[in-house]
């Protein structure tokens, strides 16, 4: 009998975590390239929606704060 883990199955919250990590890294790059504040805020809102969904499905101890413009670089490191 094959275990789900052995078959390559990942829980939805792990997939969500990876997606948030990638989107957050893109957001940090955009900020470093002097992206407009409106574009940064739009993307940050989309990421925070994903963070809220992630927090609803992951184990309690794995929950994360929403992303903030002032600390996104630090938060990006914490998502790795």
PDB file of N, CA and C in Angstrom:
ATOM      1  N   UNK A   1       0.851  -1.181   0.000  1.00  0.00           N
ATOM      2  CA  UNK A   1       0.000   0.000   0.000  1.00  0.00           C
ATOM      3  C   UNK A   1       0.896   1.243   0.000  1.00  0.00           C
ATOM      4  N   UNK A   2       0.619   2.174  -0.903  1.00  0.00           N
ATOM      5  CA  UNK A   2       1.399   3.394  -1.016  1.00  0.00           C
ATOM      6  C   UNK A   2       0.816   4.485  -0.137  1.00  0.00           C
ATOM      7  N   UNK A   3       1.684   5.145   0.588  1.00  0.00           N
ATOM      8  CA  UNK A   3       1.232   6.269   1.404  1.00  0.00           C
ATOM      9  C   UNK A   3       1.084   7.494   0.508  1.00  0.00           C
ATOM     10  N   UNK A   4       0.202   8.403   0.903  1.00  0.00           N
ATOM     11  CA  UNK A   4      -0.021   9.625   0.125  1.00  0.00           C
ATOM     12  C   UNK A   4       1.272  10.403  -0.031  1.00  0.00           C
ATOM     13  N   UNK A   5       2.055  10.476   1.028  1.00  0.00           N
ATOM     14  CA  UNK A   5       3.330  11.201   0.988  1.00  0.00           C
ATOM     15  C   UNK A   5       4.269  10.574  -0.045  1.00  0.00           C
ATOM     16  N   UNK A   6       4.337   9.256  -0.070  1.00  0.00           N
ATOM     17  CA  UNK A   6       5.204   8.550  -1.018  1.00  0.00           C
ATOM     18  C   UNK A   6       4.746   8.753  -2.458  1.00  0.00           C
ATOM     19  N   UNK A   7       3.456   9.001  -2.646  1.00  0.00           N
ATOM     20  CA  UNK A   7       2.897   9.193  -3.984  1.00  0.00           C
ATOM     21  C   UNK A   7       3.051  10.636  -4.464  1.00  0.00           C
ATOM     22  N   UNK A   8       3.679  11.481  -3.643  1.00  0.00           N
ATOM     23  CA  UNK A   8       3.883  12.871  -4.045  1.00  0.00           C
ATOM     24  C   UNK A   8       2.744  13.797  -3.658  1.00  0.00           C
ATOM     25  N   UNK A   9       1.818  13.316  -2.837  1.00  0.00           N
ATOM     26  CA  UNK A   9       0.697  14.148  -2.403  1.00  0.00           C
ATOM     27  C   UNK A   9       1.186  15.205  -1.425  1.00  0.00           C
ATOM     28  N   UNK A  10       0.742  16.438  -1.644  1.00  0.00           N
ATOM     29  CA  UNK A  10       1.033  17.517  -0.707  1.00  0.00           C
ATOM     30  C   UNK A  10      -0.281  18.075  -0.188  1.00  0.00           C
ATOM     31  N   UNK A  11      -0.358  18.320   1.123  1.00  0.00           N
ATOM     32  CA  UNK A  11      -1.565  18.962   1.645  1.00  0.00           C
ATOM     33  C   UNK A  11      -1.767  20.324   0.974  1.00  0.00           C
ATOM     34  N   UNK A  12      -3.020  20.737   0.874  1.00  0.00           N
ATOM     35  CA  UNK A  12      -3.353  22.002   0.225  1.00  0.00           C
ATOM     36  C   UNK A  12      -2.610  23.180   0.858  1.00  0.00           C
ATOM     37  N   UNK A  13      -2.451  23.160   2.185  1.00  0.00           N
ATOM     38  CA  UNK A  13      -1.794  24.288   2.839  1.00  0.00           C
ATOM     39  C   UNK A  13      -0.310  24.358   2.484  1.00  0.00           C
ATOM     40  N   UNK A  14       0.322  23.240   2.193  1.00  0.00           N
ATOM     41  CA  UNK A  14       1.735  23.254   1.770  1.00  0.00           C
ATOM     42  C   UNK A  14       1.832  23.862   0.372  1.00  0.00           C
ATOM     43  N   UNK A  15       0.924  23.498  -0.514  1.00  0.00           N
ATOM     44  CA  UNK A  15       0.900  24.086  -1.853  1.00  0.00           C
ATOM     45  C   UNK A  15       0.655  25.589  -1.758  1.00  0.00           C
ATOM     46  N   UNK A  16      -0.246  25.982  -0.881  1.00  0.00           N
ATOM     47  CA  UNK A  16      -0.573  27.387  -0.686  1.00  0.00           C
ATOM     48  C   UNK A  16       0.641  28.145  -0.146  1.00  0.00           C
ATOM     49  N   UNK A  17       1.356  27.540   0.773  1.00  0.00           N
ATOM     50  CA  UNK A  17       2.555  28.140   1.353  1.00  0.00           C
ATOM     51  C   UNK A  17       3.592  28.430   0.263  1.00  0.00           C
ATOM     52  N   UNK A  18       3.786  27.482  -0.620  1.00  0.00           N
ATOM     53  CA  UNK A  18       4.752  27.657  -1.712  1.00  0.00           C
ATOM     54  C   UNK A  18       4.319  28.799  -2.636  1.00  0.00           C
ATOM     55  N   UNK A  19       3.039  28.841  -2.964  1.00  0.00           N
ATOM     56  CA  UNK A  19       2.522  29.892  -3.841  1.00  0.00           C
ATOM     57  C   UNK A  19       2.701  31.279  -3.204  1.00  0.00           C
ATOM     58  N   UNK A  20       2.389  31.382  -1.917  1.00  0.00           N
ATOM     59  CA  UNK A  20       2.556  32.660  -1.220  1.00  0.00           C
ATOM     60  C   UNK A  20       4.023  33.064  -1.214  1.00  0.00           C
ATOM     61  N   UNK A  21       4.894  32.131  -0.940  1.00  0.00           N
ATOM     62  CA  UNK A  21       6.343  32.406  -0.918  1.00  0.00           C
ATOM     63  C   UNK A  21       6.810  32.955  -2.267  1.00  0.00           C
ATOM     64  N   UNK A  22       6.356  32.356  -3.351  1.00  0.00           N
ATOM     65  CA  UNK A  22       6.741  32.810  -4.698  1.00  0.00           C
ATOM     66  C   UNK A  22       6.173  34.196  -5.003  1.00  0.00           C
ATOM     67  N   UNK A  23       4.896  34.407  -4.679  1.00  0.00           N
ATOM     68  CA  UNK A  23       4.259  35.709  -4.927  1.00  0.00           C
ATOM     69  C   UNK A  23       4.906  36.812  -4.087  1.00  0.00           C
ATOM     70  N   UNK A  24       5.266  36.479  -2.870  1.00  0.00           N
ATOM     71  CA  UNK A  24       5.899  37.450  -1.987  1.00  0.00           C
ATOM     72  C   UNK A  24       7.293  37.821  -2.505  1.00  0.00           C
ATOM     73  N   UNK A  25       8.031  36.845  -3.002  1.00  0.00           N
ATOM     74  CA  UNK A  25       9.348  37.130  -3.580  1.00  0.00           C
ATOM     75  C   UNK A  25       9.208  38.049  -4.797  1.00  0.00           C
ATOM     76  N   UNK A  26       8.180  37.831  -5.618  1.00  0.00           N
ATOM     77  CA  UNK A  26       7.924  38.709  -6.769  1.00  0.00           C
ATOM     78  C   UNK A  26       7.607  40.124  -6.297  1.00  0.00           C
ATOM     79  N   UNK A  27       6.830  40.235  -5.227  1.00  0.00           N
ATOM     80  CA  UNK A  27       6.458  41.543  -4.685  1.00  0.00           C
ATOM     81  C   UNK A  27       7.689  42.298  -4.180  1.00  0.00           C
ATOM     82  N   UNK A  28       8.577  41.598  -3.504  1.00  0.00           N
ATOM     83  CA  UNK A  28       9.808  42.228  -3.009  1.00  0.00           C
ATOM     84  C   UNK A  28      10.661  42.713  -4.185  1.00  0.00           C
ATOM     85  N   UNK A  29      10.752  41.903  -5.241  1.00  0.00           N
ATOM     86  CA  UNK A  29      11.508  42.325  -6.434  1.00  0.00           C
ATOM     87  C   UNK A  29      10.887  43.568  -7.058  1.00  0.00           C
ATOM     88  N   UNK A  30       9.551  43.596  -7.129  1.00  0.00           N
ATOM     89  CA  UNK A  30       8.858  44.756  -7.689  1.00  0.00           C
ATOM     90  C   UNK A  30       9.143  46.008  -6.855  1.00  0.00           C
ATOM     91  N   UNK A  31       9.146  45.857  -5.552  1.00  0.00           N
ATOM     92  CA  UNK A  31       9.433  46.999  -4.677  1.00  0.00           C
ATOM     93  C   UNK A  31      10.861  47.504  -4.907  1.00  0.00           C
ATOM     94  N   UNK A  32      11.813  46.579  -5.046  1.00  0.00           N
ATOM     95  CA  UNK A  32      13.209  46.965  -5.282  1.00  0.00           C
ATOM     96  C   UNK A  32      13.381  47.651  -6.627  1.00  0.00           C
ATOM     97  N   UNK A  33      12.498  47.318  -7.581  1.00  0.00           N
ATOM     98  CA  UNK A  33      12.570  47.935  -8.921  1.00  0.00           C
ATOM     99  C   UNK A  33      11.713  49.193  -8.976  1.00  0.00           C
ATOM    100  N   UNK A  34      11.336  49.698  -7.790  1.00  0.00           N
ATOM    101  CA  UNK A  34      10.553  50.927  -7.682  1.00  0.00           C
ATOM    102  C   UNK A  34       9.186  50.833  -8.355  1.00  0.00           C
ATOM    103  N   UNK A  35       8.495  49.729  -8.124  1.00  0.00           N
ATOM    104  CA  UNK A  35       7.127  49.590  -8.622  1.00  0.00           C
ATOM    105  C   UNK A  35       6.243  50.643  -7.967  1.00  0.00           C
ATOM    106  N   UNK A  36       5.171  51.000  -8.632  1.00  0.00           N
ATOM    107  CA  UNK A  36       4.274  52.025  -8.087  1.00  0.00           C
ATOM    108  C   UNK A  36       3.612  51.514  -6.815  1.00  0.00           C
ATOM    109  N   UNK A  37       3.285  52.437  -5.937  1.00  0.00           N
ATOM    110  CA  UNK A  37       2.651  52.050  -4.677  1.00  0.00           C
ATOM    111  C   UNK A  37       1.306  51.372  -4.931  1.00  0.00           C
ATOM    112  N   UNK A  38       0.573  51.855  -5.931  1.00  0.00           N
ATOM    113  CA  UNK A  38      -0.729  51.243  -6.211  1.00  0.00           C
ATOM    114  C   UNK A  38      -0.571  49.792  -6.675  1.00  0.00           C
ATOM    115  N   UNK A  39       0.449  49.521  -7.479  1.00  0.00           N
ATOM    116  CA  UNK A  39       0.691  48.143  -7.933  1.00  0.00           C
ATOM    117  C   UNK A  39       1.138  47.270  -6.759  1.00  0.00           C
ATOM    118  N   UNK A  40       2.010  47.813  -5.919  1.00  0.00           N
ATOM    119  CA  UNK A  40       2.463  47.070  -4.739  1.00  0.00           C
ATOM    120  C   UNK A  40       1.279  46.739  -3.829  1.00  0.00           C
ATOM    121  N   UNK A  41       0.411  47.727  -3.594  1.00  0.00           N
ATOM    122  CA  UNK A  41      -0.738  47.518  -2.714  1.00  0.00           C
ATOM    123  C   UNK A  41      -1.720  46.501  -3.301  1.00  0.00           C
ATOM    124  N   UNK A  42      -1.911  46.558  -4.619  1.00  0.00           N
ATOM    125  CA  UNK A  42      -2.812  45.619  -5.287  1.00  0.00           C
ATOM    126  C   UNK A  42      -2.298  44.186  -5.110  1.00  0.00           C
ATOM    127  N   UNK A  43      -1.024  43.990  -5.405  1.00  0.00           N
ATOM    128  CA  UNK A  43      -0.446  42.647  -5.284  1.00  0.00           C
ATOM    129  C   UNK A  43      -0.405  42.178  -3.837  1.00  0.00           C
ATOM    130  N   UNK A  44      -0.107  43.109  -2.923  1.00  0.00           N
ATOM    131  CA  UNK A  44      -0.067  42.758  -1.513  1.00  0.00           C
ATOM    132  C   UNK A  44      -1.462  42.322  -1.043  1.00  0.00           C
ATOM    133  N   UNK A  45      -2.504  42.992  -1.521  1.00  0.00           N
ATOM    134  CA  UNK A  45      -3.869  42.597  -1.187  1.00  0.00           C
ATOM    135  C   UNK A  45      -4.185  41.193  -1.667  1.00  0.00           C
ATOM    136  N   UNK A  46      -3.723  40.868  -2.871  1.00  0.00           N
ATOM    137  CA  UNK A  46      -3.946  39.524  -3.417  1.00  0.00           C
ATOM    138  C   UNK A  46      -3.207  38.477  -2.584  1.00  0.00           C
ATOM    139  N   UNK A  47      -1.977  38.801  -2.184  1.00  0.00           N
ATOM    140  CA  UNK A  47      -1.208  37.869  -1.347  1.00  0.00           C
ATOM    141  C   UNK A  47      -1.882  37.702   0.007  1.00  0.00           C
ATOM    142  N   UNK A  48      -2.349  38.799   0.588  1.00  0.00           N
ATOM    143  CA  UNK A  48      -2.988  38.709   1.902  1.00  0.00           C
ATOM    144  C   UNK A  48      -4.271  37.889   1.857  1.00  0.00           C
ATOM    145  N   UNK A  49      -4.963  37.917   0.740  1.00  0.00           N
ATOM    146  CA  UNK A  49      -6.134  37.046   0.584  1.00  0.00           C
ATOM    147  C   UNK A  49      -5.690  35.585   0.641  1.00  0.00           C
ATOM    148  N   UNK A  50      -4.570  35.291   0.002  1.00  0.00           N
ATOM    149  CA  UNK A  50      -4.020  33.926   0.028  1.00  0.00           C
ATOM    150  C   UNK A  50      -3.553  33.565   1.438  1.00  0.00           C
ATOM    151  N   UNK A  51      -2.979  34.532   2.160  1.00  0.00           N
ATOM    152  CA  UNK A  51      -2.535  34.287   3.535  1.00  0.00           C
ATOM    153  C   UNK A  51      -3.735  33.958   4.423  1.00  0.00           C
ATOM    154  N   UNK A  52      -4.836  34.676   4.263  1.00  0.00           N
ATOM    155  CA  UNK A  52      -6.036  34.388   5.056  1.00  0.00           C
ATOM    156  C   UNK A  52      -6.558  32.977   4.761  1.00  0.00           C
ATOM    157  N   UNK A  53      -6.560  32.595   3.493  1.00  0.00           N
ATOM    158  CA  UNK A  53      -6.987  31.244   3.122  1.00  0.00           C
ATOM    159  C   UNK A  53      -6.031  30.212   3.709  1.00  0.00           C
ATOM    160  N   UNK A  54      -4.744  30.471   3.589  1.00  0.00           N
ATOM    161  CA  UNK A  54      -3.713  29.587   4.150  1.00  0.00           C
ATOM    162  C   UNK A  54      -3.934  29.391   5.651  1.00  0.00           C
ATOM    163  N   UNK A  55      -4.146  30.508   6.366  1.00  0.00           N
ATOM    164  CA  UNK A  55      -4.337  30.433   7.818  1.00  0.00           C
ATOM    165  C   UNK A  55      -5.578  29.622   8.192  1.00  0.00           C
ATOM    166  N   UNK A  56      -6.561  29.614   7.332  1.00  0.00           N
ATOM    167  CA  UNK A  56      -7.795  28.871   7.602  1.00  0.00           C
ATOM    168  C   UNK A  56      -7.615  27.362   7.442  1.00  0.00           C
ATOM    169  N   UNK A  57      -6.612  26.935   6.672  1.00  0.00           N
ATOM    170  CA  UNK A  57      -6.462  25.502   6.388  1.00  0.00           C
ATOM    171  C   UNK A  57      -5.211  24.866   6.975  1.00  0.00           C
ATOM    172  N   UNK A  58      -4.258  25.673   7.450  1.00  0.00           N
ATOM    173  CA  UNK A  58      -3.014  25.099   7.965  1.00  0.00           C
ATOM    174  C   UNK A  58      -3.123  24.827   9.464  1.00  0.00           C
ATOM    175  N   UNK A  59      -2.191  24.026  10.009  1.00  0.00           N
ATOM    176  CA  UNK A  59      -2.168  23.823  11.464  1.00  0.00           C
ATOM    177  C   UNK A  59      -1.974  25.174  12.171  1.00  0.00           C
ATOM    178  N   UNK A  60      -2.576  25.313  13.329  1.00  0.00           N
ATOM    179  CA  UNK A  60      -2.556  26.580  14.069  1.00  0.00           C
ATOM    180  C   UNK A  60      -1.141  27.121  14.248  1.00  0.00           C
ATOM    181  N   UNK A  61      -0.199  26.282  14.589  1.00  0.00           N
ATOM    182  CA  UNK A  61       1.165  26.753  14.852  1.00  0.00           C
ATOM    183  C   UNK A  61       1.883  27.241  13.587  1.00  0.00           C
ATOM    184  N   UNK A  62       1.318  26.961  12.426  1.00  0.00           N
ATOM    185  CA  UNK A  62       1.934  27.379  11.159  1.00  0.00           C
ATOM    186  C   UNK A  62       1.329  28.672  10.612  1.00  0.00           C
ATOM    187  N   UNK A  63       0.332  29.223  11.288  1.00  0.00           N
ATOM    188  CA  UNK A  63      -0.326  30.427  10.783  1.00  0.00           C
ATOM    189  C   UNK A  63       0.635  31.609  10.757  1.00  0.00           C
ATOM    190  N   UNK A  64       0.396  32.519   9.802  1.00  0.00           N
ATOM    191  CA  UNK A  64       1.273  33.678   9.593  1.00  0.00           C
ATOM    192  C   UNK A  64       0.483  34.971   9.593  1.00  0.00           C
ATOM    193  N   UNK A  65       1.189  36.067   9.862  1.00  0.00           N
ATOM    194  CA  UNK A  65       0.591  37.400   9.787  1.00  0.00           C
ATOM    195  C   UNK A  65       0.432  37.799   8.324  1.00  0.00           C
ATOM    196  N   UNK A  66      -0.482  38.743   8.103  1.00  0.00           N
ATOM    197  CA  UNK A  66      -0.625  39.283   6.753  1.00  0.00           C
ATOM    198  C   UNK A  66       0.603  40.132   6.420  1.00  0.00           C
ATOM    199  N   UNK A  67       0.836  40.312   5.128  1.00  0.00           N
ATOM    200  CA  UNK A  67       2.001  41.039   4.640  1.00  0.00           C
ATOM    201  C   UNK A  67       1.772  42.545   4.779  1.00  0.00           C
ATOM    202  N   UNK A  68       2.817  43.238   5.185  1.00  0.00           N
ATOM    203  CA  UNK A  68       2.765  44.692   5.325  1.00  0.00           C
ATOM    204  C   UNK A  68       3.847  45.304   4.448  1.00  0.00           C
ATOM    205  N   UNK A  69       3.548  46.434   3.859  1.00  0.00           N
ATOM    206  CA  UNK A  69       4.465  47.101   2.941  1.00  0.00           C
ATOM    207  C   UNK A  69       5.819  47.379   3.595  1.00  0.00           C
ATOM    208  N   UNK A  70       5.804  47.835   4.842  1.00  0.00           N
ATOM    209  CA  UNK A  70       7.034  48.244   5.512  1.00  0.00           C
ATOM    210  C   UNK A  70       7.947  47.074   5.869  1.00  0.00           C
ATOM    211  N   UNK A  71       7.377  45.891   6.051  1.00  0.00           N
ATOM    212  CA  UNK A  71       8.185  44.762   6.523  1.00  0.00           C
ATOM    213  C   UNK A  71       8.163  43.558   5.578  1.00  0.00           C
ATOM    214  N   UNK A  72       7.791  43.789   4.321  1.00  0.00           N
ATOM    215  CA  UNK A  72       7.638  42.639   3.420  1.00  0.00           C
ATOM    216  C   UNK A  72       8.939  41.872   3.187  1.00  0.00           C
ATOM    217  N   UNK A  73      10.082  42.567   3.206  1.00  0.00           N
ATOM    218  CA  UNK A  73      11.354  41.863   2.992  1.00  0.00           C
ATOM    219  C   UNK A  73      11.623  40.887   4.137  1.00  0.00           C
ATOM    220  N   UNK A  74      11.366  41.334   5.359  1.00  0.00           N
ATOM    221  CA  UNK A  74      11.563  40.472   6.534  1.00  0.00           C
ATOM    222  C   UNK A  74      10.574  39.309   6.491  1.00  0.00           C
ATOM    223  N   UNK A  75       9.331  39.625   6.148  1.00  0.00           N
ATOM    224  CA  UNK A  75       8.310  38.580   6.077  1.00  0.00           C
ATOM    225  C   UNK A  75       8.639  37.568   4.984  1.00  0.00           C
ATOM    226  N   UNK A  76       9.229  38.035   3.895  1.00  0.00           N
ATOM    227  CA  UNK A  76       9.621  37.141   2.793  1.00  0.00           C
ATOM    228  C   UNK A  76      10.618  36.109   3.293  1.00  0.00           C
ATOM    229  N   UNK A  77      11.583  36.552   4.089  1.00  0.00           N
ATOM    230  CA  UNK A  77      12.583  35.629   4.654  1.00  0.00           C
ATOM    231  C   UNK A  77      11.907  34.608   5.559  1.00  0.00           C
ATOM    232  N   UNK A  78      10.925  35.043   6.337  1.00  0.00           N
ATOM    233  CA  UNK A  78      10.242  34.143   7.261  1.00  0.00           C
ATOM    234  C   UNK A  78       9.382  33.110   6.545  1.00  0.00           C
ATOM    235  N   UNK A  79       8.943  33.393   5.328  1.00  0.00           N
ATOM    236  CA  UNK A  79       8.137  32.437   4.562  1.00  0.00           C
ATOM    237  C   UNK A  79       8.999  31.350   3.931  1.00  0.00           C
ATOM    238  N   UNK A  80      10.327  31.525   3.914  1.00  0.00           N
ATOM    239  CA  UNK A  80      11.202  30.533   3.268  1.00  0.00           C
ATOM    240  C   UNK A  80      11.372  29.309   4.130  1.00  0.00           C
TER     241      UNK A  80
END
